[in-house]
Amino acid sequence: WVCIGLQGHVRFGVQVHGFSAHCMNADKPGVVSAIREMAYKIIDWHNITDWSVGTSVNVGLIKGGTATNTVPDLCEVELDIRFATCAEMDKAIARFEAVCNKSYLEGTKTEYRRLNIMDVFERSEKNDALFDFVKAVSEKYGFGPRETNYRAGGSDAAYLSRAGVPTLCSCGVVGGSGHTVREFASVESLFNRAGLL
């Protein structure tokens, strides 16, 4: 496989502040659970997901509270938003921020910060033309037929492509089970890919 396009992603860290008390006083004025507020927000963020346009949201880290008998005054999450086009990125980030700026429980305060961003590696005519060239070379010199796809994930190839440079990604070692303890690489594929390049 050779990639002619990849999703982009942005990661955010979010803090919700509430006001703590013993759980027996949870109904008292001014006492408010940061975890409860965050729970409402997490549902809204996940509802931004729209697989039909390549947008997804995953809240992957969460922490908060100090004890089971205490209303928590702080809850923190980190989340990942994926998108297939720059236009969908703008929409998803706007919807994420709208959830941050909304309070379900009076007295809570939400703060967020962008942790990182990876631009979309969008498909283009230049990238398609480069792939056609690589495919022809591969078949001519016996490296086999080349296929292409548009995948999830992110790549620095996005920055070259956005600068107008014909770009392909996933031209290196072949393997599988990426980002897990089962990840592997085919040694033989190093020779194949080096010969093709």
C-alpha atoms as a PDB file:
ATOM      1  CA  TRP A   1       0.000   0.000   0.000  1.00  0.00           C
ATOM      2  CA  VAL A   2       1.006   3.590  -0.698  1.00  0.00           C
ATOM      3  CA  CYS A   3      -1.065   6.414   0.788  1.00  0.00           C
ATOM      4  CA  ILE A   4      -2.270   9.382  -1.221  1.00  0.00           C
ATOM      5  CA  GLY A   5      -4.182  10.892   1.691  1.00  0.00           C
ATOM      6  CA  LEU A   6      -4.433  10.664   5.471  1.00  0.00           C
ATOM      7  CA  GLN A   7      -6.644  12.165   8.148  1.00  0.00           C
ATOM      8  CA  GLY A   8      -5.478  15.024  10.289  1.00  0.00           C
ATOM      9  CA  HIS A   9      -6.010  15.266  14.008  1.00  0.00           C
ATOM     10  CA  VAL A  10      -5.973  17.691  16.897  1.00  0.00           C
ATOM     11  CA  ARG A  11      -5.643  16.900  20.595  1.00  0.00           C
ATOM     12  CA  PHE A  12      -7.034  18.978  23.433  1.00  0.00           C
ATOM     13  CA  GLY A  13      -6.661  18.971  27.190  1.00  0.00           C
ATOM     14  CA  VAL A  14      -9.751  20.096  29.122  1.00  0.00           C
ATOM     15  CA  GLN A  15     -10.221  20.969  32.798  1.00  0.00           C
ATOM     16  CA  VAL A  16     -13.590  21.408  34.495  1.00  0.00           C
ATOM     17  CA  HIS A  17     -13.607  23.136  37.875  1.00  0.00           C
ATOM     18  CA  GLY A  18     -16.417  22.661  40.368  1.00  0.00           C
ATOM     19  CA  PHE A  19     -16.721  23.134  44.131  1.00  0.00           C
ATOM     20  CA  SER A  20     -15.963  20.294  46.543  1.00  0.00           C
ATOM     21  CA  ALA A  21     -17.721  19.177  49.714  1.00  0.00           C
ATOM     22  CA  HIS A  22     -18.553  15.991  51.584  1.00  0.00           C
ATOM     23  CA  CYS A  23     -20.993  13.981  49.483  1.00  0.00           C
ATOM     24  CA  MET A  24     -23.663  14.408  52.185  1.00  0.00           C
ATOM     25  CA  ASN A  25     -23.626  18.112  51.297  1.00  0.00           C
ATOM     26  CA  ALA A  26     -23.882  17.623  47.534  1.00  0.00           C
ATOM     27  CA  ASP A  27     -27.275  19.357  47.446  1.00  0.00           C
ATOM     28  CA  LYS A  28     -26.051  22.490  49.224  1.00  0.00           C
ATOM     29  CA  PRO A  29     -25.867  25.806  47.298  1.00  0.00           C
ATOM     30  CA  GLY A  30     -22.560  26.287  45.499  1.00  0.00           C
ATOM     31  CA  VAL A  31     -21.497  22.641  45.685  1.00  0.00           C
ATOM     32  CA  VAL A  32     -21.032  21.266  42.174  1.00  0.00           C
ATOM     33  CA  SER A  33     -19.378  18.125  40.780  1.00  0.00           C
ATOM     34  CA  ALA A  34     -16.695  18.695  38.163  1.00  0.00           C
ATOM     35  CA  ILE A  35     -16.937  15.032  37.109  1.00  0.00           C
ATOM     36  CA  ARG A  36     -20.676  15.265  36.524  1.00  0.00           C
ATOM     37  CA  GLU A  37     -20.228  18.361  34.342  1.00  0.00           C
ATOM     38  CA  MET A  38     -17.448  16.629  32.409  1.00  0.00           C
ATOM     39  CA  ALA A  39     -19.660  13.563  31.869  1.00  0.00           C
ATOM     40  CA  TYR A  40     -22.226  15.685  30.022  1.00  0.00           C
ATOM     41  CA  LYS A  41     -19.475  17.243  27.918  1.00  0.00           C
ATOM     42  CA  ILE A  42     -17.936  13.869  27.023  1.00  0.00           C
ATOM     43  CA  ILE A  43     -21.247  12.671  25.596  1.00  0.00           C
ATOM     44  CA  ASP A  44     -21.563  15.856  23.520  1.00  0.00           C
ATOM     45  CA  TRP A  45     -18.003  15.550  22.226  1.00  0.00           C
ATOM     46  CA  HIS A  46     -18.494  11.939  21.181  1.00  0.00           C
ATOM     47  CA  ASN A  47     -21.659  12.987  19.353  1.00  0.00           C
ATOM     48  CA  ILE A  48     -19.506  15.159  17.059  1.00  0.00           C
ATOM     49  CA  THR A  49     -18.361  11.899  15.448  1.00  0.00           C
ATOM     50  CA  ASP A  50     -19.636  11.538  11.877  1.00  0.00           C
ATOM     51  CA  TRP A  51     -18.055   8.585  10.099  1.00  0.00           C
ATOM     52  CA  SER A  52     -19.702   9.564   6.795  1.00  0.00           C
ATOM     53  CA  VAL A  53     -17.376  12.596   6.519  1.00  0.00           C
ATOM     54  CA  GLY A  54     -14.389  11.028   8.297  1.00  0.00           C
ATOM     55  CA  THR A  55     -14.725  12.899  11.590  1.00  0.00           C
ATOM     56  CA  SER A  56     -14.317  11.162  14.947  1.00  0.00           C
ATOM     57  CA  VAL A  57     -13.799  12.140  18.572  1.00  0.00           C
ATOM     58  CA  ASN A  58     -12.239   9.971  21.258  1.00  0.00           C
ATOM     59  CA  VAL A  59     -11.866  10.962  24.920  1.00  0.00           C
ATOM     60  CA  GLY A  60      -8.919   8.744  25.778  1.00  0.00           C
ATOM     61  CA  LEU A  61      -7.761   9.997  29.187  1.00  0.00           C
ATOM     62  CA  ILE A  62      -9.775  11.094  32.218  1.00  0.00           C
ATOM     63  CA  LYS A  63      -8.976  11.792  35.848  1.00  0.00           C
ATOM     64  CA  GLY A  64     -10.685  13.551  38.701  1.00  0.00           C
ATOM     65  CA  GLY A  65     -11.771  13.450  42.305  1.00  0.00           C
ATOM     66  CA  THR A  66     -10.007  12.625  45.535  1.00  0.00           C
ATOM     67  CA  ALA A  67     -12.316  10.170  47.349  1.00  0.00           C
ATOM     68  CA  THR A  68     -15.625   8.400  46.811  1.00  0.00           C
ATOM     69  CA  ASN A  69     -17.271  10.373  49.634  1.00  0.00           C
ATOM     70  CA  THR A  70     -16.217  13.773  48.265  1.00  0.00           C
ATOM     71  CA  VAL A  71     -17.847  15.875  45.548  1.00  0.00           C
ATOM     72  CA  PRO A  72     -14.958  16.474  43.110  1.00  0.00           C
ATOM     73  CA  ASP A  73     -13.850  20.009  42.343  1.00  0.00           C
ATOM     74  CA  LEU A  74     -11.657  19.067  39.370  1.00  0.00           C
ATOM     75  CA  CYS A  75     -11.918  16.750  36.373  1.00  0.00           C
ATOM     76  CA  GLU A  76      -9.443  16.583  33.490  1.00  0.00           C
ATOM     77  CA  VAL A  77      -9.589  14.832  30.126  1.00  0.00           C
ATOM     78  CA  GLU A  78      -7.530  14.594  26.967  1.00  0.00           C
ATOM     79  CA  LEU A  79      -9.279  13.968  23.678  1.00  0.00           C
ATOM     80  CA  ASP A  80      -8.415  13.341  20.053  1.00  0.00           C
ATOM     81  CA  ILE A  81     -10.414  14.722  17.102  1.00  0.00           C
ATOM     82  CA  ARG A  82      -9.807  13.204  13.629  1.00  0.00           C
ATOM     83  CA  PHE A  83     -10.966  14.664  10.302  1.00  0.00           C
ATOM     84  CA  ALA A  84     -10.578  13.953   6.588  1.00  0.00           C
ATOM     85  CA  THR A  85     -10.621  17.525   5.235  1.00  0.00           C
ATOM     86  CA  CYS A  86      -9.592  20.963   6.434  1.00  0.00           C
ATOM     87  CA  ALA A  87     -13.231  22.103   6.181  1.00  0.00           C
ATOM     88  CA  GLU A  88     -14.348  19.288   8.501  1.00  0.00           C
ATOM     89  CA  MET A  89     -11.507  20.152  10.879  1.00  0.00           C
ATOM     90  CA  ASP A  90     -12.836  23.695  11.242  1.00  0.00           C
ATOM     91  CA  LYS A  91     -16.382  22.402  11.878  1.00  0.00           C
ATOM     92  CA  ALA A  92     -15.271  19.820  14.442  1.00  0.00           C
ATOM     93  CA  ILE A  93     -13.123  22.287  16.384  1.00  0.00           C
ATOM     94  CA  ALA A  94     -15.961  24.832  16.434  1.00  0.00           C
ATOM     95  CA  ARG A  95     -18.346  22.191  17.820  1.00  0.00           C
ATOM     96  CA  PHE A  96     -15.752  21.101  20.407  1.00  0.00           C
ATOM     97  CA  GLU A  97     -15.334  24.698  21.595  1.00  0.00           C
ATOM     98  CA  ALA A  98     -19.108  25.207  21.770  1.00  0.00           C
ATOM     99  CA  VAL A  99     -19.329  22.280  24.209  1.00  0.00           C
ATOM    100  CA  CYS A 100     -16.479  23.748  26.280  1.00  0.00           C
ATOM    101  CA  ASN A 101     -18.250  27.106  26.462  1.00  0.00           C
ATOM    102  CA  LYS A 102     -21.535  25.565  27.633  1.00  0.00           C
ATOM    103  CA  SER A 103     -22.203  24.803  31.312  1.00  0.00           C
ATOM    104  CA  TYR A 104     -24.690  22.106  32.252  1.00  0.00           C
ATOM    105  CA  LEU A 105     -24.229  22.753  35.960  1.00  0.00           C
ATOM    106  CA  GLU A 106     -24.239  26.288  37.298  1.00  0.00           C
ATOM    107  CA  GLY A 107     -20.990  27.173  39.018  1.00  0.00           C
ATOM    108  CA  THR A 108     -18.661  25.095  36.876  1.00  0.00           C
ATOM    109  CA  LYS A 109     -15.823  26.601  34.857  1.00  0.00           C
ATOM    110  CA  THR A 110     -14.177  24.958  31.836  1.00  0.00           C
ATOM    111  CA  GLU A 111     -10.694  25.628  30.501  1.00  0.00           C
ATOM    112  CA  TYR A 112      -9.096  23.985  27.474  1.00  0.00           C
ATOM    113  CA  ARG A 113      -5.823  24.079  25.582  1.00  0.00           C
ATOM    114  CA  ARG A 114      -4.684  22.637  22.293  1.00  0.00           C
ATOM    115  CA  LEU A 115      -1.956  20.046  22.858  1.00  0.00           C
ATOM    116  CA  ASN A 116      -0.995  19.474  19.220  1.00  0.00           C
ATOM    117  CA  ILE A 117      -2.347  19.436  15.684  1.00  0.00           C
ATOM    118  CA  MET A 118      -1.519  17.451  12.549  1.00  0.00           C
ATOM    119  CA  ASP A 119      -2.800  18.869   9.277  1.00  0.00           C
ATOM    120  CA  VAL A 120      -4.850  16.779   6.869  1.00  0.00           C
ATOM    121  CA  PHE A 121      -2.915  15.097   4.050  1.00  0.00           C
ATOM    122  CA  GLU A 122      -5.635  15.760   1.479  1.00  0.00           C
ATOM    123  CA  ARG A 123      -5.829  13.880  -1.798  1.00  0.00           C
ATOM    124  CA  SER A 124      -4.871  15.957  -4.852  1.00  0.00           C
ATOM    125  CA  GLU A 125      -4.322  15.610  -8.591  1.00  0.00           C
ATOM    126  CA  LYS A 126      -0.569  16.032  -8.047  1.00  0.00           C
ATOM    127  CA  ASN A 127      -0.489  13.190  -5.528  1.00  0.00           C
ATOM    128  CA  ASP A 128      -2.562  10.978  -7.828  1.00  0.00           C
ATOM    129  CA  ALA A 129      -0.182  11.672 -10.725  1.00  0.00           C
ATOM    130  CA  LEU A 130       2.845  10.811  -8.584  1.00  0.00           C
ATOM    131  CA  PHE A 131       1.188   7.561  -7.529  1.00  0.00           C
ATOM    132  CA  ASP A 132       0.513   6.654 -11.176  1.00  0.00           C
ATOM    133  CA  PHE A 133       4.227   7.197 -11.910  1.00  0.00           C
ATOM    134  CA  VAL A 134       5.340   5.048  -8.946  1.00  0.00           C
ATOM    135  CA  LYS A 135       2.902   2.313  -9.931  1.00  0.00           C
ATOM    136  CA  ALA A 136       4.257   2.233 -13.511  1.00  0.00           C
ATOM    137  CA  VAL A 137       7.878   2.072 -12.273  1.00  0.00           C
ATOM    138  CA  SER A 138       6.988  -0.684  -9.788  1.00  0.00           C
ATOM    139  CA  GLU A 139       5.385  -2.842 -12.448  1.00  0.00           C
ATOM    140  CA  LYS A 140       8.148  -2.164 -15.022  1.00  0.00           C
ATOM    141  CA  TYR A 141      10.979  -3.250 -12.693  1.00  0.00           C
ATOM    142  CA  GLY A 142       9.225  -6.241 -11.129  1.00  0.00           C
ATOM    143  CA  PHE A 143       8.302  -4.862  -7.722  1.00  0.00           C
ATOM    144  CA  GLY A 144       4.709  -5.876  -8.273  1.00  0.00           C
ATOM    145  CA  PRO A 145       1.512  -3.914  -8.635  1.00  0.00           C
ATOM    146  CA  ARG A 146       1.047  -0.991  -6.297  1.00  0.00           C
ATOM    147  CA  GLU A 147      -2.254  -0.148  -4.710  1.00  0.00           C
ATOM    148  CA  THR A 148      -3.279   3.060  -3.028  1.00  0.00           C
ATOM    149  CA  ASN A 149      -5.661   3.993  -0.275  1.00  0.00           C
ATOM    150  CA  TYR A 150      -6.856   6.819   1.925  1.00  0.00           C
ATOM    151  CA  ARG A 151      -6.325   5.945   5.562  1.00  0.00           C
ATOM    152  CA  ALA A 152      -6.950   7.100   9.069  1.00  0.00           C
ATOM    153  CA  GLY A 153      -3.948   8.354  10.975  1.00  0.00           C
ATOM    154  CA  GLY A 154      -1.737  11.368  10.505  1.00  0.00           C
ATOM    155  CA  SER A 155       1.468  12.159   8.652  1.00  0.00           C
ATOM    156  CA  ASP A 156       4.043  14.888   8.140  1.00  0.00           C
ATOM    157  CA  ALA A 157       3.308  14.335   4.440  1.00  0.00           C
ATOM    158  CA  ALA A 158       0.455  16.796   4.996  1.00  0.00           C
ATOM    159  CA  TYR A 159       2.862  19.727   5.174  1.00  0.00           C
ATOM    160  CA  LEU A 160       4.620  18.898   1.904  1.00  0.00           C
ATOM    161  CA  SER A 161       1.320  18.354   0.128  1.00  0.00           C
ATOM    162  CA  ARG A 162      -0.138  21.637   1.399  1.00  0.00           C
ATOM    163  CA  ALA A 163       2.959  23.394   0.037  1.00  0.00           C
ATOM    164  CA  GLY A 164       2.064  22.067  -3.420  1.00  0.00           C
ATOM    165  CA  VAL A 165       4.688  19.297  -3.531  1.00  0.00           C
ATOM    166  CA  PRO A 166       3.460  15.991  -5.047  1.00  0.00           C
ATOM    167  CA  THR A 167       3.566  13.630  -2.079  1.00  0.00           C
ATOM    168  CA  LEU A 168       3.016   9.986  -1.177  1.00  0.00           C
ATOM    169  CA  CYS A 169       3.105   8.427   2.270  1.00  0.00           C
ATOM    170  CA  SER A 170       3.624   4.916   3.658  1.00  0.00           C
ATOM    171  CA  CYS A 171       6.547   4.236   1.323  1.00  0.00           C
ATOM    172  CA  GLY A 172       8.693   2.629   4.031  1.00  0.00           C
ATOM    173  CA  VAL A 173       8.806  -0.706   5.803  1.00  0.00           C
ATOM    174  CA  VAL A 174       5.689  -2.894   5.671  1.00  0.00           C
ATOM    175  CA  GLY A 175       4.288  -4.159   8.951  1.00  0.00           C
ATOM    176  CA  GLY A 176       1.195  -4.260  11.100  1.00  0.00           C
ATOM    177  CA  SER A 177      -0.485  -3.812  14.495  1.00  0.00           C
ATOM    178  CA  GLY A 178       0.897  -0.281  14.779  1.00  0.00           C
ATOM    179  CA  HIS A 179       1.111   1.414  18.202  1.00  0.00           C
ATOM    180  CA  THR A 180       0.540  -1.863  20.088  1.00  0.00           C
ATOM    181  CA  VAL A 181       2.813  -4.396  21.802  1.00  0.00           C
ATOM    182  CA  ARG A 182       2.173  -6.658  18.765  1.00  0.00           C
ATOM    183  CA  GLU A 183       3.628  -4.168  16.249  1.00  0.00           C
ATOM    184  CA  PHE A 184       5.947  -5.788  13.708  1.00  0.00           C
ATOM    185  CA  ALA A 185       7.917  -5.028  10.553  1.00  0.00           C
ATOM    186  CA  SER A 186       8.854  -7.216   7.585  1.00  0.00           C
ATOM    187  CA  VAL A 187      12.617  -7.188   7.036  1.00  0.00           C
ATOM    188  CA  GLU A 188      12.139  -8.351   3.425  1.00  0.00           C
ATOM    189  CA  SER A 189       9.995  -5.305   2.706  1.00  0.00           C
ATOM    190  CA  LEU A 190      12.966  -3.021   3.421  1.00  0.00           C
ATOM    191  CA  PHE A 191      14.773  -4.421   0.384  1.00  0.00           C
ATOM    192  CA  ASN A 192      11.677  -4.219  -1.791  1.00  0.00           C
ATOM    193  CA  ARG A 193      10.896  -0.626  -0.860  1.00  0.00           C
ATOM    194  CA  ALA A 194      14.535   0.499  -1.132  1.00  0.00           C
ATOM    195  CA  GLY A 195      14.735  -1.023  -4.620  1.00  0.00           C
ATOM    196  CA  LEU A 196      11.524   0.674  -5.680  1.00  0.00           C
ATOM    197  CA  LEU A 197      12.655   4.069  -4.406  1.00  0.00           C
END
